[in-house]
N, C-alpha and C. Protein backbone atom coordinates (compact mmCIF):
# COMPACT_ATOMS: atom_id res chain seq x y z
N UNK A 1 0.84 -1.19 0.00
CA UNK A 1 0.00 0.00 0.00
C UNK A 1 0.88 1.24 0.00
N UNK A 2 0.48 2.22 -0.77
CA UNK A 2 1.25 3.46 -0.82
C UNK A 2 0.76 4.42 0.26
N UNK A 3 1.65 5.29 0.68
CA UNK A 3 1.31 6.28 1.69
C UNK A 3 0.76 7.53 1.01
N UNK A 4 -0.16 8.18 1.66
CA UNK A 4 -0.86 9.34 1.10
C UNK A 4 -0.23 10.65 1.53
N UNK A 5 -0.54 11.72 0.79
CA UNK A 5 -0.15 13.07 1.15
C UNK A 5 -1.41 13.84 1.51
N UNK A 6 -1.35 14.56 2.64
CA UNK A 6 -2.48 15.37 3.09
C UNK A 6 -2.01 16.81 3.22
N UNK A 7 -2.89 17.74 2.81
CA UNK A 7 -2.54 19.16 2.75
C UNK A 7 -3.48 19.97 3.63
N UNK A 8 -2.94 21.05 4.20
CA UNK A 8 -3.70 22.00 5.01
C UNK A 8 -4.24 21.37 6.30
N UNK A 9 -3.40 20.62 6.97
CA UNK A 9 -3.78 19.92 8.19
C UNK A 9 -3.46 20.80 9.39
N UNK A 10 -4.46 21.00 10.24
CA UNK A 10 -4.28 21.79 11.47
C UNK A 10 -3.99 20.82 12.61
N UNK A 11 -2.77 20.83 13.16
CA UNK A 11 -2.44 19.88 14.22
C UNK A 11 -3.20 20.11 15.52
N UNK A 12 -3.83 21.26 15.67
CA UNK A 12 -4.60 21.54 16.89
C UNK A 12 -6.01 20.98 16.82
N UNK A 13 -6.50 20.67 15.62
CA UNK A 13 -7.89 20.21 15.48
C UNK A 13 -8.02 18.82 14.87
N UNK A 14 -6.90 18.17 14.55
CA UNK A 14 -6.93 16.82 14.00
C UNK A 14 -6.09 15.91 14.90
N UNK A 15 -6.26 14.60 14.71
CA UNK A 15 -5.43 13.68 15.49
C UNK A 15 -4.75 12.67 14.57
N UNK A 16 -3.74 12.03 15.11
CA UNK A 16 -2.94 11.10 14.34
C UNK A 16 -3.72 9.92 13.77
N UNK A 17 -4.80 9.50 14.43
CA UNK A 17 -5.60 8.39 13.92
C UNK A 17 -6.24 8.71 12.58
N UNK A 18 -6.50 9.98 12.33
CA UNK A 18 -7.15 10.38 11.08
C UNK A 18 -6.23 10.21 9.87
N UNK A 19 -4.93 10.10 10.11
CA UNK A 19 -3.96 10.09 9.01
C UNK A 19 -2.98 8.93 9.15
N UNK A 20 -3.48 7.76 9.52
CA UNK A 20 -2.61 6.61 9.68
C UNK A 20 -1.94 6.19 8.38
N UNK A 21 -2.53 6.56 7.24
CA UNK A 21 -1.96 6.21 5.95
C UNK A 21 -1.11 7.33 5.36
N UNK A 22 -0.77 8.33 6.18
CA UNK A 22 0.00 9.48 5.68
C UNK A 22 1.47 9.13 5.50
N UNK A 23 2.01 9.57 4.39
CA UNK A 23 3.44 9.52 4.15
C UNK A 23 4.03 10.91 4.28
N UNK A 24 3.21 11.90 3.91
CA UNK A 24 3.62 13.30 4.02
C UNK A 24 2.41 14.13 4.43
N UNK A 25 2.64 15.07 5.35
CA UNK A 25 1.59 15.99 5.78
C UNK A 25 2.10 17.41 5.59
N UNK A 26 1.26 18.23 4.95
CA UNK A 26 1.54 19.66 4.84
C UNK A 26 0.58 20.35 5.80
N UNK A 27 1.14 21.04 6.78
CA UNK A 27 0.34 21.68 7.80
C UNK A 27 -0.17 23.04 7.34
N UNK A 28 -1.13 23.59 8.07
CA UNK A 28 -1.62 24.93 7.79
C UNK A 28 -0.48 25.93 7.94
N UNK A 29 -0.63 27.09 7.31
CA UNK A 29 0.44 28.09 7.32
C UNK A 29 0.75 28.62 8.72
N UNK A 30 -0.21 28.53 9.65
CA UNK A 30 0.05 29.03 11.00
C UNK A 30 0.62 27.96 11.94
N UNK A 31 0.90 26.77 11.42
CA UNK A 31 1.50 25.72 12.25
C UNK A 31 2.95 26.08 12.57
N UNK A 32 3.37 25.69 13.76
CA UNK A 32 4.76 25.94 14.15
C UNK A 32 5.25 24.85 15.08
N UNK A 33 6.55 24.78 15.21
CA UNK A 33 7.21 23.82 16.09
C UNK A 33 7.29 24.41 17.49
N UNK A 34 6.69 23.73 18.46
CA UNK A 34 6.68 24.23 19.84
C UNK A 34 7.89 23.66 20.59
N UNK A 35 9.04 24.31 20.42
CA UNK A 35 10.27 23.83 21.05
C UNK A 35 10.21 23.97 22.57
N UNK A 36 9.28 24.77 23.09
CA UNK A 36 9.16 24.90 24.55
C UNK A 36 8.59 23.63 25.18
N UNK A 37 8.04 22.73 24.37
CA UNK A 37 7.49 21.47 24.87
C UNK A 37 8.26 20.26 24.33
N UNK A 38 9.52 20.46 23.99
CA UNK A 38 10.36 19.39 23.44
C UNK A 38 10.78 18.42 24.53
N UNK A 39 11.15 17.23 24.10
CA UNK A 39 11.68 16.21 25.00
C UNK A 39 12.83 15.49 24.34
N UNK A 40 13.58 14.77 25.14
CA UNK A 40 14.71 14.02 24.61
C UNK A 40 15.13 12.91 25.54
N UNK A 41 15.78 11.91 24.98
CA UNK A 41 16.36 10.82 25.76
C UNK A 41 17.73 10.50 25.18
N UNK A 42 18.59 9.98 26.01
CA UNK A 42 19.94 9.62 25.58
C UNK A 42 20.04 8.10 25.53
N UNK A 43 20.41 7.57 24.37
CA UNK A 43 20.70 6.15 24.18
C UNK A 43 21.78 6.07 23.12
N UNK A 44 23.01 6.13 23.52
CA UNK A 44 24.17 6.29 22.64
C UNK A 44 24.19 7.68 22.00
N UNK A 45 23.07 8.11 21.45
CA UNK A 45 22.92 9.47 20.91
C UNK A 45 21.70 10.10 21.58
N UNK A 46 21.53 11.40 21.41
CA UNK A 46 20.34 12.08 21.94
C UNK A 46 19.22 11.96 20.90
N UNK A 47 18.09 11.40 21.33
CA UNK A 47 16.89 11.33 20.49
C UNK A 47 15.97 12.46 20.94
N UNK A 48 15.56 13.29 19.99
CA UNK A 48 14.86 14.53 20.30
C UNK A 48 13.49 14.55 19.63
N UNK A 49 12.52 15.21 20.28
CA UNK A 49 11.17 15.32 19.72
C UNK A 49 10.52 16.61 20.20
N UNK A 50 9.84 17.31 19.30
CA UNK A 50 9.09 18.52 19.66
C UNK A 50 7.77 18.51 18.88
N UNK A 51 6.67 18.92 19.53
CA UNK A 51 5.37 18.86 18.87
C UNK A 51 5.14 20.01 17.88
N UNK A 52 4.29 19.73 16.88
CA UNK A 52 3.83 20.74 15.94
C UNK A 52 2.44 21.17 16.41
N UNK A 53 2.17 22.47 16.40
CA UNK A 53 0.88 22.98 16.86
C UNK A 53 0.52 24.26 16.10
N UNK A 54 -0.69 24.73 16.31
CA UNK A 54 -1.11 26.04 15.81
C UNK A 54 -1.62 26.89 16.94
N UNK A 55 -1.50 26.39 18.16
CA UNK A 55 -2.10 27.08 19.30
C UNK A 55 -1.08 27.23 20.43
N UNK A 56 -1.07 28.40 21.05
CA UNK A 56 -0.22 28.56 22.23
C UNK A 56 -0.88 27.95 23.45
N UNK A 57 -2.19 27.67 23.36
CA UNK A 57 -2.90 26.99 24.44
C UNK A 57 -2.50 25.52 24.46
N UNK A 58 -2.54 24.91 25.63
CA UNK A 58 -2.22 23.49 25.76
C UNK A 58 -3.30 22.67 25.05
N UNK A 59 -2.88 21.75 24.19
CA UNK A 59 -3.82 20.90 23.45
C UNK A 59 -4.18 19.66 24.26
N UNK A 60 -5.31 19.05 23.93
CA UNK A 60 -5.71 17.79 24.56
C UNK A 60 -4.71 16.70 24.21
N UNK A 61 -4.18 16.74 22.99
CA UNK A 61 -3.19 15.76 22.55
C UNK A 61 -2.31 16.37 21.47
N UNK A 62 -1.02 16.08 21.55
CA UNK A 62 -0.05 16.48 20.53
C UNK A 62 0.31 15.23 19.74
N UNK A 63 -0.19 15.13 18.51
CA UNK A 63 -0.01 13.92 17.73
C UNK A 63 1.01 14.05 16.60
N UNK A 64 1.49 15.25 16.34
CA UNK A 64 2.44 15.47 15.25
C UNK A 64 3.73 16.00 15.85
N UNK A 65 4.85 15.32 15.55
CA UNK A 65 6.12 15.62 16.18
C UNK A 65 7.23 15.71 15.14
N UNK A 66 8.18 16.59 15.38
CA UNK A 66 9.42 16.66 14.61
C UNK A 66 10.47 15.94 15.45
N UNK A 67 11.21 15.04 14.83
CA UNK A 67 12.21 14.27 15.56
C UNK A 67 13.58 14.38 14.88
N UNK A 68 14.61 14.08 15.65
CA UNK A 68 15.96 14.06 15.12
C UNK A 68 16.92 13.51 16.15
N UNK A 69 18.15 13.28 15.73
CA UNK A 69 19.17 12.79 16.65
C UNK A 69 20.28 13.82 16.80
N UNK A 70 20.78 13.90 18.03
CA UNK A 70 21.89 14.79 18.38
C UNK A 70 21.64 16.24 17.99
N UNK A 71 20.38 16.69 18.10
CA UNK A 71 20.05 18.07 17.76
C UNK A 71 19.31 18.75 18.91
N UNK A 72 19.52 18.22 20.12
CA UNK A 72 19.00 18.82 21.34
C UNK A 72 19.85 18.29 22.49
N UNK A 73 19.63 18.84 23.67
CA UNK A 73 20.29 18.27 24.84
C UNK A 73 19.63 16.93 25.14
N UNK A 74 20.25 16.08 25.96
CA UNK A 74 19.67 14.76 26.25
C UNK A 74 18.27 14.80 26.89
N UNK A 75 17.83 15.95 27.38
CA UNK A 75 16.47 16.04 27.93
C UNK A 75 15.57 16.95 27.10
N UNK A 76 16.01 17.32 25.91
CA UNK A 76 15.15 18.05 24.97
C UNK A 76 15.36 19.54 24.88
N UNK A 77 16.16 20.12 25.76
CA UNK A 77 16.39 21.56 25.66
C UNK A 77 17.25 21.85 24.43
N UNK A 78 17.25 23.10 24.02
CA UNK A 78 18.07 23.57 22.89
C UNK A 78 17.76 22.79 21.62
N UNK A 79 16.47 22.56 21.36
CA UNK A 79 16.01 21.77 20.21
C UNK A 79 16.36 22.49 18.91
N UNK A 80 17.15 21.86 18.08
CA UNK A 80 17.58 22.44 16.79
C UNK A 80 17.49 21.40 15.68
N UNK A 81 16.45 20.59 15.69
CA UNK A 81 16.34 19.47 14.75
C UNK A 81 15.73 19.82 13.40
N UNK A 82 15.17 20.98 13.25
CA UNK A 82 14.41 21.27 12.03
C UNK A 82 14.99 22.43 11.24
N UNK A 83 16.27 22.67 11.36
CA UNK A 83 16.82 23.84 10.70
C UNK A 83 16.23 25.08 11.33
N UNK A 84 15.62 25.93 10.54
CA UNK A 84 14.99 27.15 11.05
C UNK A 84 13.48 26.92 11.16
N UNK A 85 12.98 26.60 12.37
CA UNK A 85 11.55 26.32 12.51
C UNK A 85 10.67 27.53 12.22
N UNK A 86 11.24 28.74 12.21
CA UNK A 86 10.46 29.94 11.91
C UNK A 86 10.33 30.18 10.41
N UNK A 87 11.01 29.39 9.61
CA UNK A 87 10.97 29.56 8.16
C UNK A 87 9.56 29.33 7.64
N UNK A 88 9.09 30.20 6.73
CA UNK A 88 7.76 30.00 6.15
C UNK A 88 7.67 28.72 5.32
N UNK A 89 8.80 28.13 4.98
CA UNK A 89 8.81 26.88 4.22
C UNK A 89 8.71 25.65 5.12
N UNK A 90 8.80 25.84 6.42
CA UNK A 90 8.81 24.71 7.37
C UNK A 90 7.39 24.36 7.80
N UNK A 91 6.59 23.84 6.87
CA UNK A 91 5.20 23.51 7.19
C UNK A 91 4.79 22.12 6.74
N UNK A 92 5.76 21.26 6.51
CA UNK A 92 5.39 19.90 6.12
C UNK A 92 6.37 18.92 6.74
N UNK A 93 5.96 17.67 6.75
CA UNK A 93 6.82 16.64 7.30
C UNK A 93 6.52 15.31 6.66
N UNK A 94 7.48 14.41 6.77
CA UNK A 94 7.32 13.07 6.24
C UNK A 94 7.26 12.08 7.39
N UNK A 95 6.56 11.02 7.17
CA UNK A 95 6.41 9.98 8.18
C UNK A 95 7.73 9.23 8.36
N UNK A 96 8.09 9.01 9.61
CA UNK A 96 9.26 8.20 9.91
C UNK A 96 8.82 6.74 9.92
N UNK A 97 9.33 5.99 8.98
CA UNK A 97 9.02 4.56 8.95
C UNK A 97 9.97 3.86 9.91
N UNK A 98 9.61 2.70 10.35
CA UNK A 98 10.38 2.00 11.38
C UNK A 98 11.79 1.72 10.89
N UNK A 99 12.72 2.48 11.40
CA UNK A 99 14.11 2.29 11.00
C UNK A 99 14.97 1.86 12.19
N UNK A 100 14.34 1.36 13.24
CA UNK A 100 15.08 0.95 14.42
C UNK A 100 15.15 2.02 15.48
N UNK A 101 14.94 3.28 15.09
CA UNK A 101 15.01 4.39 16.04
C UNK A 101 13.64 4.80 16.56
N UNK A 102 12.58 4.27 15.98
CA UNK A 102 11.22 4.71 16.33
C UNK A 102 10.96 4.59 17.83
N UNK A 103 11.38 3.49 18.43
CA UNK A 103 11.13 3.31 19.86
C UNK A 103 11.85 4.37 20.70
N UNK A 104 13.04 4.76 20.28
CA UNK A 104 13.77 5.82 21.00
C UNK A 104 13.05 7.17 20.85
N UNK A 105 12.52 7.43 19.65
CA UNK A 105 11.76 8.68 19.46
C UNK A 105 10.48 8.66 20.30
N UNK A 106 9.84 7.51 20.39
CA UNK A 106 8.65 7.40 21.25
C UNK A 106 9.00 7.71 22.70
N UNK A 107 10.15 7.25 23.14
CA UNK A 107 10.57 7.56 24.52
C UNK A 107 10.85 9.05 24.69
N UNK A 108 11.37 9.70 23.66
CA UNK A 108 11.57 11.15 23.72
C UNK A 108 10.23 11.87 23.83
N UNK A 109 9.22 11.40 23.09
CA UNK A 109 7.87 11.97 23.19
C UNK A 109 7.32 11.74 24.59
N UNK A 110 7.50 10.54 25.12
CA UNK A 110 7.03 10.25 26.48
C UNK A 110 7.72 11.14 27.51
N UNK A 111 8.99 11.42 27.30
CA UNK A 111 9.71 12.31 28.21
C UNK A 111 9.12 13.71 28.14
N UNK A 112 8.78 14.17 26.93
CA UNK A 112 8.16 15.49 26.77
C UNK A 112 6.80 15.52 27.46
N UNK A 113 6.02 14.44 27.33
CA UNK A 113 4.72 14.36 28.00
C UNK A 113 4.88 14.52 29.51
N UNK A 114 5.81 13.76 30.07
CA UNK A 114 6.03 13.80 31.52
C UNK A 114 6.56 15.15 31.98
N UNK A 115 7.53 15.66 31.26
CA UNK A 115 8.19 16.91 31.64
C UNK A 115 7.25 18.11 31.56
N UNK A 116 6.39 18.14 30.54
CA UNK A 116 5.56 19.32 30.29
C UNK A 116 4.08 19.12 30.63
N UNK A 117 3.72 17.95 31.15
CA UNK A 117 2.33 17.70 31.52
C UNK A 117 1.39 17.71 30.33
N UNK A 118 1.86 17.16 29.19
CA UNK A 118 1.04 17.11 27.98
C UNK A 118 0.76 15.66 27.62
N UNK A 119 -0.09 15.46 26.63
CA UNK A 119 -0.46 14.12 26.18
C UNK A 119 -0.20 13.98 24.69
N UNK A 120 0.25 12.80 24.29
CA UNK A 120 0.42 12.46 22.87
C UNK A 120 -0.27 11.12 22.68
N UNK A 121 -1.55 11.15 22.37
CA UNK A 121 -2.33 9.91 22.28
C UNK A 121 -1.99 9.08 21.06
N UNK A 122 -1.74 9.74 19.92
CA UNK A 122 -1.50 9.03 18.67
C UNK A 122 -0.33 9.66 17.91
N UNK A 123 0.86 9.67 18.53
CA UNK A 123 2.00 10.33 17.85
C UNK A 123 2.46 9.57 16.62
């Protein structure tokens, strides 16, 4: 099965279950990376994760995340995984397929949930 592309997705009003077949998501123009709610874990390298949102208010669930390795501190501070997150071109992402690191990224998301008192029901 091929993965789909979805356009104009608002991460504050949709959830990850709605796009289980997504390979690429283009977010709304007001979407941004919330580095203040980033998390990270150390396992040989630092695995980092920060949620995508359109709202400064706390969401019921953060289901869309930007991830990377060695681009934050081991607990998620100083998140620099997406180049310039303020860039007007930074409004889309591709699905991370299971490459062996997925479990480490999930732990980084869990660390962000615990640290910031947020929920990621369907990351």
